[in-house]
Amino acid sequence: MPVQTRDEVVSKTARASAVQSGPKKLQTDPGIKRLVPLNGGEHVYLRHPVTGKSPKYRVGSEEFINAMAELGDQFRPQLLLELKELGWSEAYDALESR
């Protein structure tokens, strides 16, 4: 019987965790809202479709507009629709002009 070294021993928990945290999948479901308003519309969480992270931005800030633009053309129509529904016309115009 071969002897296992310490580096070869992996717990059941570690194996299960590795399986669950496999490669990230692009979340393209249009039912997922990308914009989550905060503080009466002053700030917003922008849900990233790949990382799943939701960084907080000030609505209308250059950083927020850049983050939305970086998501690419695939998500632009959804973001524009959500901006319009939220009544954030300045952010809508800024994203549409890019």
Foldseek 3Di string as FASTA:
>chain_A
DDDDDPVRDDDPVRVVVPVVPPAFDFALPLVDQQWDADDLNQKIFGQQRGPRGTDIDGPLDPVVLVVVVVSDPSCLVSVLVVCVVSVVVNSNVSNVVD
